[in-house]
Amino acid sequence: MEAQDYLKPTPDPTPDTAPFWEGLKEGKLMLQCCSECGKVRHYPRPVCPECYSMEHRWVAAKGTGKVHSWTVSHHAFHPGFKPDLPYTLVTVDLDEGVRMQAQLRGADASALKLGLPVRVAFEAATRDLTLPVFVLA
């Protein structure tokens, strides 16, 4: 799909987030890890919330975790999401100790329960944008 055909809002990668988006294009979920204290963090940001270091490295996540919460959206906050309605957003506790939100694919919200194992999958939205989604593990 070409970028002009994709009707949903798209991220504007910054130097702090670019490795996250590049990893998704390569089929990898990359997370920041503080070089000083070892704390893994998500969402990407320049300063460690634990020790305030600005030094970090990127690590490949396993991409597995457990459902922490979910919501079913019946209203499109942007017209580009209208064809997807209703859709389920899950908050997942990744095995690396951080939480991440993404859409759930391939399962009905009625199948969800707290602690249900999920794994990340990758969807090409455009030629230059791959998004993470979660599927049942």
Protein backbone atom coordinates (compact mmCIF):
# COMPACT_ATOMS: atom_id res chain seq x y z
CA MET A 1 0.00 0.00 0.00
CA GLU A 2 1.23 3.46 -0.84
CA ALA A 3 1.42 6.12 1.87
CA GLN A 4 -1.18 8.28 0.11
CA ASP A 5 -3.65 5.34 0.23
CA TYR A 6 -3.26 4.84 3.98
CA LEU A 7 -5.95 6.95 5.67
CA LYS A 8 -4.96 6.61 9.33
CA PRO A 9 -2.60 8.96 11.20
CA THR A 10 1.03 7.90 10.95
CA PRO A 11 3.91 8.37 13.38
CA ASP A 12 6.59 10.96 12.78
CA PRO A 13 9.76 9.17 13.94
CA THR A 14 12.27 11.20 15.92
CA PRO A 15 15.92 10.35 16.66
CA ASP A 16 14.67 8.78 19.93
CA THR A 17 12.00 6.61 18.27
CA ALA A 18 13.48 5.81 14.84
CA PRO A 19 15.16 2.52 15.95
CA PHE A 20 11.78 1.30 17.26
CA TRP A 21 10.09 1.94 13.88
CA GLU A 22 13.04 0.55 11.90
CA GLY A 23 12.95 -2.62 14.00
CA LEU A 24 9.27 -3.13 13.23
CA LYS A 25 10.02 -2.91 9.48
CA GLU A 26 12.56 -5.72 10.02
CA GLY A 27 10.06 -7.84 11.98
CA LYS A 28 11.66 -7.11 15.37
CA LEU A 29 10.25 -5.41 18.44
CA MET A 30 13.07 -3.23 19.72
CA LEU A 31 13.05 -1.70 23.20
CA GLN A 32 15.34 0.82 24.83
CA CYS A 33 17.48 -0.40 27.70
CA CYS A 34 19.38 1.96 29.99
CA SER A 35 23.12 1.49 29.66
CA GLU A 36 23.63 2.57 33.27
CA CYS A 37 21.00 0.71 35.34
CA GLY A 38 19.69 -1.85 32.83
CA LYS A 39 16.04 -0.72 33.06
CA VAL A 40 14.08 -1.58 29.92
CA ARG A 41 11.67 1.14 28.87
CA HIS A 42 8.83 1.66 26.47
CA TYR A 43 7.84 4.11 24.98
CA PRO A 44 11.23 5.28 23.64
CA ARG A 45 12.55 8.45 25.28
CA PRO A 46 15.89 10.14 25.84
CA VAL A 47 16.13 9.85 29.65
CA CYS A 48 15.90 6.77 31.88
CA PRO A 49 12.99 7.22 34.31
CA GLU A 50 14.86 5.14 36.90
CA CYS A 51 18.35 6.69 37.09
CA TYR A 52 18.05 9.70 34.72
CA SER A 53 20.88 8.51 32.50
CA MET A 54 20.77 9.56 28.87
CA GLU A 55 22.81 6.51 27.78
CA HIS A 56 20.87 3.60 26.31
CA ARG A 57 21.06 0.72 23.88
CA TRP A 58 18.37 -1.06 21.89
CA VAL A 59 17.49 -4.69 22.66
CA ALA A 60 15.27 -7.10 20.75
CA ALA A 61 12.24 -8.08 22.81
CA LYS A 62 10.88 -11.61 22.79
CA GLY A 63 7.56 -10.12 21.70
CA THR A 64 5.54 -12.17 24.16
CA GLY A 65 3.50 -11.10 27.13
CA LYS A 66 0.18 -11.29 28.93
CA VAL A 67 -3.00 -9.24 28.56
CA HIS A 68 -3.18 -6.57 31.27
CA SER A 69 -6.33 -4.85 30.00
CA TRP A 70 -8.36 -4.21 26.87
CA THR A 71 -11.05 -2.03 25.41
CA VAL A 72 -13.33 -2.38 22.42
CA SER A 73 -13.67 0.76 20.37
CA HIS A 74 -17.05 1.30 18.70
CA HIS A 75 -16.36 4.89 17.69
CA ALA A 76 -13.63 6.01 15.30
CA PHE A 77 -11.61 8.90 16.75
CA HIS A 78 -10.30 9.45 13.23
CA PRO A 79 -12.14 8.71 9.94
CA GLY A 80 -9.39 6.32 8.85
CA PHE A 81 -10.37 3.87 11.60
CA LYS A 82 -14.05 3.70 10.65
CA PRO A 83 -13.67 0.57 8.45
CA ASP A 84 -12.04 -1.27 11.38
CA LEU A 85 -14.95 -0.81 13.81
CA PRO A 86 -15.35 -2.37 16.23
CA TYR A 87 -11.72 -3.05 17.08
CA THR A 88 -9.99 -4.24 20.24
CA LEU A 89 -7.02 -2.48 21.79
CA VAL A 90 -5.00 -4.50 24.28
CA THR A 91 -2.55 -3.37 26.93
CA VAL A 92 0.09 -6.07 27.29
CA ASP A 93 2.64 -6.69 30.03
CA LEU A 94 5.62 -7.71 27.93
CA ASP A 95 8.00 -10.33 29.34
CA GLU A 96 10.69 -7.61 29.51
CA GLY A 97 8.70 -5.77 32.20
CA VAL A 98 7.13 -2.93 30.22
CA ARG A 99 3.60 -2.34 28.98
CA MET A 100 2.65 -1.80 25.38
CA GLN A 101 -0.64 -1.10 23.62
CA ALA A 102 -1.68 -2.24 20.16
CA GLN A 103 -4.65 -3.63 18.31
CA LEU A 104 -5.60 -7.28 18.76
CA ARG A 105 -5.89 -9.36 15.59
CA GLY A 106 -7.48 -12.73 14.92
CA ALA A 107 -9.51 -13.01 18.12
CA ASP A 108 -12.78 -11.68 19.42
CA ALA A 109 -12.75 -9.59 22.59
CA SER A 110 -15.00 -12.23 24.20
CA ALA A 111 -11.98 -14.59 24.15
CA LEU A 112 -9.89 -12.22 26.27
CA LYS A 113 -9.14 -12.58 29.96
CA LEU A 114 -6.53 -11.09 32.24
CA GLY A 115 -3.19 -12.86 31.92
CA LEU A 116 -3.97 -14.41 28.54
CA PRO A 117 -0.70 -15.03 26.63
CA VAL A 118 -0.20 -12.99 23.47
CA ARG A 119 2.62 -12.32 21.05
CA VAL A 120 3.46 -9.43 18.79
CA ALA A 121 2.90 -9.65 15.06
CA PHE A 122 3.82 -7.13 12.39
CA GLU A 123 1.50 -5.49 9.86
CA ALA A 124 2.78 -3.51 6.91
CA ALA A 125 0.58 -0.41 6.81
CA THR A 126 2.54 1.16 3.94
CA ARG A 127 5.81 0.40 2.21
CA ASP A 128 7.64 2.48 4.87
CA LEU A 129 5.47 1.83 7.95
CA THR A 130 5.05 -1.43 9.85
CA LEU A 131 2.84 -1.49 12.92
CA PRO A 132 2.85 -3.88 15.87
CA VAL A 133 -0.32 -5.81 16.63
CA PHE A 134 -0.99 -8.57 19.11
CA VAL A 135 -2.32 -12.08 18.45
CA LEU A 136 -3.13 -14.90 20.85
CA ALA A 137 -0.03 -16.97 21.63
